[in-house]
Structure formats: structure tokens, C-alpha cells
């Protein structure tokens, strides 16, 4: 049975998603920190009974909770795509795209005992798997 290949555009979108993965994780962490700060401010205002400010903080907290939920859902989907990769593909994606290092292909070829072209083929294979999984 012949393996179907995804389009170049789909691979490019998957690569963009992989490259932005660390940024999305950091954004989720910042959203959670902001929500914690808002809830602390809410608790302080509750003692002073400032109803209008409390209502504004409630709306802001609700908005942040929605944003956190959306971000978590997106990261969960991407984590599912990464789980499809075998160990070597995952390593290639991590070192070349998620947290790129200098001369990643050369180091990976030595570490995995393969040619540099094979490292790039594994990268392409991983991106195709991710592209097939992502919506």
C-alpha cells in the first residue's frame, strides 16, 4: 500500500504550529498568572464591597477563563499530534523546530547514526503526521 503524502501547504502549516508551540505554552502560563492576580484583586475588593469594580473583575476573570480554555484545547490537540511521532521523529522535531539548536541536523545525524538527508526525511515525515492530525 502506498503512503499518501500531504500537501506542501499542510506541512508548512504544521511547521508553523510546531514553531509556535513554545510561545503558546508561555502564553498559557501568562494567562494563568493574570487570572490568579485578578482573583486576588477580586478577593481584596470583596472586603471593601465595591460592586462596580467587582463586576468588572468578574467579567475580566470570565474572559480569561475562556481564553485559557481555548489555549489549553489548542495545546492539547497539538500534544496529541506529537504523541503520534516515534521517538526519533519527536527528537528531530524538538531539536529542529520546537527548541532549535545550532547545527541540529548534524548533531542528530551523529546521535541517530544516520545521514543528514535521513534527518530531514524524518522531519518531513513528522510534519506530515502532525499535519494529518491537526484540524
C-alpha atoms as a PDB file:
ATOM      1  CA  UNK A   1       0.000   0.000   0.000  1.00  0.00           C
ATOM      2  CA  UNK A   2       1.374   3.380  -0.996  1.00  0.00           C
ATOM      3  CA  UNK A   3       1.686   6.082   1.629  1.00  0.00           C
ATOM      4  CA  UNK A   4      -0.209   9.257   0.765  1.00  0.00           C
ATOM      5  CA  UNK A   5       1.668  12.495   1.162  1.00  0.00           C
ATOM      6  CA  UNK A   6       0.128  15.685   2.410  1.00  0.00           C
ATOM      7  CA  UNK A   7       0.373  18.948   0.554  1.00  0.00           C
ATOM      8  CA  UNK A   8       3.243  21.335   0.965  1.00  0.00           C
ATOM      9  CA  UNK A   9       0.860  23.917   2.392  1.00  0.00           C
ATOM     10  CA  UNK A  10      -0.302  21.462   5.073  1.00  0.00           C
ATOM     11  CA  UNK A  11       3.319  20.699   6.013  1.00  0.00           C
ATOM     12  CA  UNK A  12       4.088  24.423   6.218  1.00  0.00           C
ATOM     13  CA  UNK A  13       1.080  24.987   8.486  1.00  0.00           C
ATOM     14  CA  UNK A  14       2.191  22.078  10.670  1.00  0.00           C
ATOM     15  CA  UNK A  15       5.708  23.536  10.826  1.00  0.00           C
ATOM     16  CA  UNK A  16       4.309  26.923  11.838  1.00  0.00           C
ATOM     17  CA  UNK A  17       2.258  25.226  14.566  1.00  0.00           C
ATOM     18  CA  UNK A  18       5.331  23.380  15.822  1.00  0.00           C
ATOM     19  CA  UNK A  19       7.463  26.519  15.855  1.00  0.00           C
ATOM     20  CA  UNK A  20       4.844  28.474  17.818  1.00  0.00           C
ATOM     21  CA  UNK A  21       4.240  25.683  20.353  1.00  0.00           C
ATOM     22  CA  UNK A  22       6.645  27.108  22.999  1.00  0.00           C
ATOM     23  CA  UNK A  23       5.119  30.568  22.571  1.00  0.00           C
ATOM     24  CA  UNK A  24       1.635  29.178  23.128  1.00  0.00           C
ATOM     25  CA  UNK A  25       2.784  27.356  26.253  1.00  0.00           C
ATOM     26  CA  UNK A  26       4.278  30.596  27.589  1.00  0.00           C
ATOM     27  CA  UNK A  27       1.094  32.489  26.713  1.00  0.00           C
ATOM     28  CA  UNK A  28      -0.989  29.941  28.618  1.00  0.00           C
ATOM     29  CA  UNK A  29       1.229  30.380  31.654  1.00  0.00           C
ATOM     30  CA  UNK A  30       0.878  34.180  31.463  1.00  0.00           C
ATOM     31  CA  UNK A  31      -2.899  33.885  31.165  1.00  0.00           C
ATOM     32  CA  UNK A  32      -2.991  31.709  34.271  1.00  0.00           C
ATOM     33  CA  UNK A  33      -0.812  34.201  36.174  1.00  0.00           C
ATOM     34  CA  UNK A  34      -3.087  37.073  35.120  1.00  0.00           C
ATOM     35  CA  UNK A  35      -6.134  35.132  36.257  1.00  0.00           C
ATOM     36  CA  UNK A  36      -4.515  34.487  39.633  1.00  0.00           C
ATOM     37  CA  UNK A  37      -3.743  38.210  40.029  1.00  0.00           C
ATOM     38  CA  UNK A  38      -7.279  39.177  39.077  1.00  0.00           C
ATOM     39  CA  UNK A  39      -8.741  36.728  41.571  1.00  0.00           C
ATOM     40  CA  UNK A  40      -6.507  38.149  44.296  1.00  0.00           C
ATOM     41  CA  UNK A  41      -7.710  41.654  43.418  1.00  0.00           C
ATOM     42  CA  UNK A  42     -11.258  40.335  43.478  1.00  0.00           C
ATOM     43  CA  UNK A  43     -10.776  38.957  46.990  1.00  0.00           C
ATOM     44  CA  UNK A  44      -9.364  42.295  48.177  1.00  0.00           C
ATOM     45  CA  UNK A  45     -12.274  44.248  46.665  1.00  0.00           C
ATOM     46  CA  UNK A  46     -14.856  41.875  48.101  1.00  0.00           C
ATOM     47  CA  UNK A  47     -13.880  43.115  51.562  1.00  0.00           C
ATOM     48  CA  UNK A  48     -14.491  46.748  50.520  1.00  0.00           C
ATOM     49  CA  UNK A  49     -17.767  45.991  48.728  1.00  0.00           C
ATOM     50  CA  UNK A  50     -17.004  47.940  45.543  1.00  0.00           C
ATOM     51  CA  UNK A  51     -19.763  46.440  43.408  1.00  0.00           C
ATOM     52  CA  UNK A  52     -18.947  48.089  40.073  1.00  0.00           C
ATOM     53  CA  UNK A  53     -15.246  47.223  40.260  1.00  0.00           C
ATOM     54  CA  UNK A  54     -16.101  43.708  41.400  1.00  0.00           C
ATOM     55  CA  UNK A  55     -18.397  43.244  38.396  1.00  0.00           C
ATOM     56  CA  UNK A  56     -15.618  44.421  36.050  1.00  0.00           C
ATOM     57  CA  UNK A  57     -13.196  41.973  37.626  1.00  0.00           C
ATOM     58  CA  UNK A  58     -15.771  39.169  37.298  1.00  0.00           C
ATOM     59  CA  UNK A  59     -16.089  39.864  33.556  1.00  0.00           C
ATOM     60  CA  UNK A  60     -12.319  40.025  33.155  1.00  0.00           C
ATOM     61  CA  UNK A  61     -11.909  36.717  35.014  1.00  0.00           C
ATOM     62  CA  UNK A  62     -14.592  35.080  32.869  1.00  0.00           C
ATOM     63  CA  UNK A  63     -12.891  36.325  29.706  1.00  0.00           C
ATOM     64  CA  UNK A  64      -9.512  34.991  30.869  1.00  0.00           C
ATOM     65  CA  UNK A  65     -11.056  31.626  31.752  1.00  0.00           C
ATOM     66  CA  UNK A  66     -12.408  31.337  28.204  1.00  0.00           C
ATOM     67  CA  UNK A  67      -9.028  32.295  26.715  1.00  0.00           C
ATOM     68  CA  UNK A  68      -7.298  29.749  28.966  1.00  0.00           C
ATOM     69  CA  UNK A  69      -9.748  27.060  27.873  1.00  0.00           C
ATOM     70  CA  UNK A  70      -9.156  27.805  24.190  1.00  0.00           C
ATOM     71  CA  UNK A  71      -5.394  27.830  24.649  1.00  0.00           C
ATOM     72  CA  UNK A  72      -5.482  24.557  26.597  1.00  0.00           C
ATOM     73  CA  UNK A  73      -7.623  22.933  23.900  1.00  0.00           C
ATOM     74  CA  UNK A  74      -5.208  24.026  21.173  1.00  0.00           C
ATOM     75  CA  UNK A  75      -2.191  22.774  23.128  1.00  0.00           C
ATOM     76  CA  UNK A  76      -3.982  19.510  23.931  1.00  0.00           C
ATOM     77  CA  UNK A  77      -4.631  18.935  20.220  1.00  0.00           C
ATOM     78  CA  UNK A  78      -1.001  19.633  19.431  1.00  0.00           C
ATOM     79  CA  UNK A  79       0.185  17.338  22.239  1.00  0.00           C
ATOM     80  CA  UNK A  80      -1.925  14.604  20.650  1.00  0.00           C
ATOM     81  CA  UNK A  81      -0.190  15.211  17.328  1.00  0.00           C
ATOM     82  CA  UNK A  82       3.235  15.000  18.979  1.00  0.00           C
ATOM     83  CA  UNK A  83       2.226  11.745  20.666  1.00  0.00           C
ATOM     84  CA  UNK A  84       1.842  10.170  17.202  1.00  0.00           C
ATOM     85  CA  UNK A  85       5.529  10.605  16.486  1.00  0.00           C
ATOM     86  CA  UNK A  86       8.049   7.890  17.172  1.00  0.00           C
ATOM     87  CA  UNK A  87      10.988   8.678  19.457  1.00  0.00           C
ATOM     88  CA  UNK A  88      13.367   9.698  16.675  1.00  0.00           C
ATOM     89  CA  UNK A  89      10.820  11.901  14.911  1.00  0.00           C
ATOM     90  CA  UNK A  90       9.985  13.554  18.210  1.00  0.00           C
ATOM     91  CA  UNK A  91      13.669  14.211  18.880  1.00  0.00           C
ATOM     92  CA  UNK A  92      14.110  15.677  15.398  1.00  0.00           C
ATOM     93  CA  UNK A  93      11.069  17.946  15.816  1.00  0.00           C
ATOM     94  CA  UNK A  94      12.178  19.112  19.255  1.00  0.00           C
ATOM     95  CA  UNK A  95      15.735  19.922  18.226  1.00  0.00           C
ATOM     96  CA  UNK A  96      14.999  21.382  14.809  1.00  0.00           C
ATOM     97  CA  UNK A  97      11.675  23.177  15.332  1.00  0.00           C
ATOM     98  CA  UNK A  98      10.384  23.437  18.909  1.00  0.00           C
ATOM     99  CA  UNK A  99      13.642  24.441  20.575  1.00  0.00           C
ATOM    100  CA  UNK A 100      16.053  24.770  17.657  1.00  0.00           C
ATOM    101  CA  UNK A 101      19.732  24.314  18.294  1.00  0.00           C
ATOM    102  CA  UNK A 102      22.643  25.242  16.107  1.00  0.00           C
ATOM    103  CA  UNK A 103      23.615  22.520  13.605  1.00  0.00           C
ATOM    104  CA  UNK A 104      20.728  20.352  14.765  1.00  0.00           C
ATOM    105  CA  UNK A 105      20.779  18.220  11.620  1.00  0.00           C
ATOM    106  CA  UNK A 106      24.484  17.452  12.004  1.00  0.00           C
ATOM    107  CA  UNK A 107      24.201  16.594  15.684  1.00  0.00           C
ATOM    108  CA  UNK A 108      21.107  14.479  15.103  1.00  0.00           C
ATOM    109  CA  UNK A 109      22.767  12.586  12.264  1.00  0.00           C
ATOM    110  CA  UNK A 110      25.642  11.674  14.585  1.00  0.00           C
ATOM    111  CA  UNK A 111      23.384  10.853  17.531  1.00  0.00           C
ATOM    112  CA  UNK A 112      20.991   8.728  15.479  1.00  0.00           C
ATOM    113  CA  UNK A 113      23.767   7.251  13.299  1.00  0.00           C
ATOM    114  CA  UNK A 114      22.079   8.281  10.057  1.00  0.00           C
ATOM    115  CA  UNK A 115      22.819  10.587   7.126  1.00  0.00           C
ATOM    116  CA  UNK A 116      21.797  14.218   7.305  1.00  0.00           C
ATOM    117  CA  UNK A 117      19.315  13.581   4.470  1.00  0.00           C
ATOM    118  CA  UNK A 118      17.645  10.954   6.655  1.00  0.00           C
ATOM    119  CA  UNK A 119      17.261  13.510   9.454  1.00  0.00           C
ATOM    120  CA  UNK A 120      15.452  15.825   7.039  1.00  0.00           C
ATOM    121  CA  UNK A 121      13.268  12.952   5.796  1.00  0.00           C
ATOM    122  CA  UNK A 122      12.296  12.178   9.395  1.00  0.00           C
ATOM    123  CA  UNK A 123      11.493  15.833   9.924  1.00  0.00           C
ATOM    124  CA  UNK A 124       9.268  15.815   6.834  1.00  0.00           C
ATOM    125  CA  UNK A 125       7.608  12.577   7.941  1.00  0.00           C
ATOM    126  CA  UNK A 126       6.933  14.054  11.376  1.00  0.00           C
ATOM    127  CA  UNK A 127       5.459  17.209   9.863  1.00  0.00           C
ATOM    128  CA  UNK A 128       3.213  15.102   7.634  1.00  0.00           C
ATOM    129  CA  UNK A 129       1.941  13.162  10.665  1.00  0.00           C
ATOM    130  CA  UNK A 130       1.321  16.382  12.563  1.00  0.00           C
ATOM    131  CA  UNK A 131      -0.420  17.956   9.540  1.00  0.00           C
ATOM    132  CA  UNK A 132      -2.698  14.930   9.220  1.00  0.00           C
ATOM    133  CA  UNK A 133      -3.681  15.176  12.889  1.00  0.00           C
ATOM    134  CA  UNK A 134      -4.218  18.925  13.196  1.00  0.00           C
ATOM    135  CA  UNK A 135      -7.546  20.416  12.086  1.00  0.00           C
END
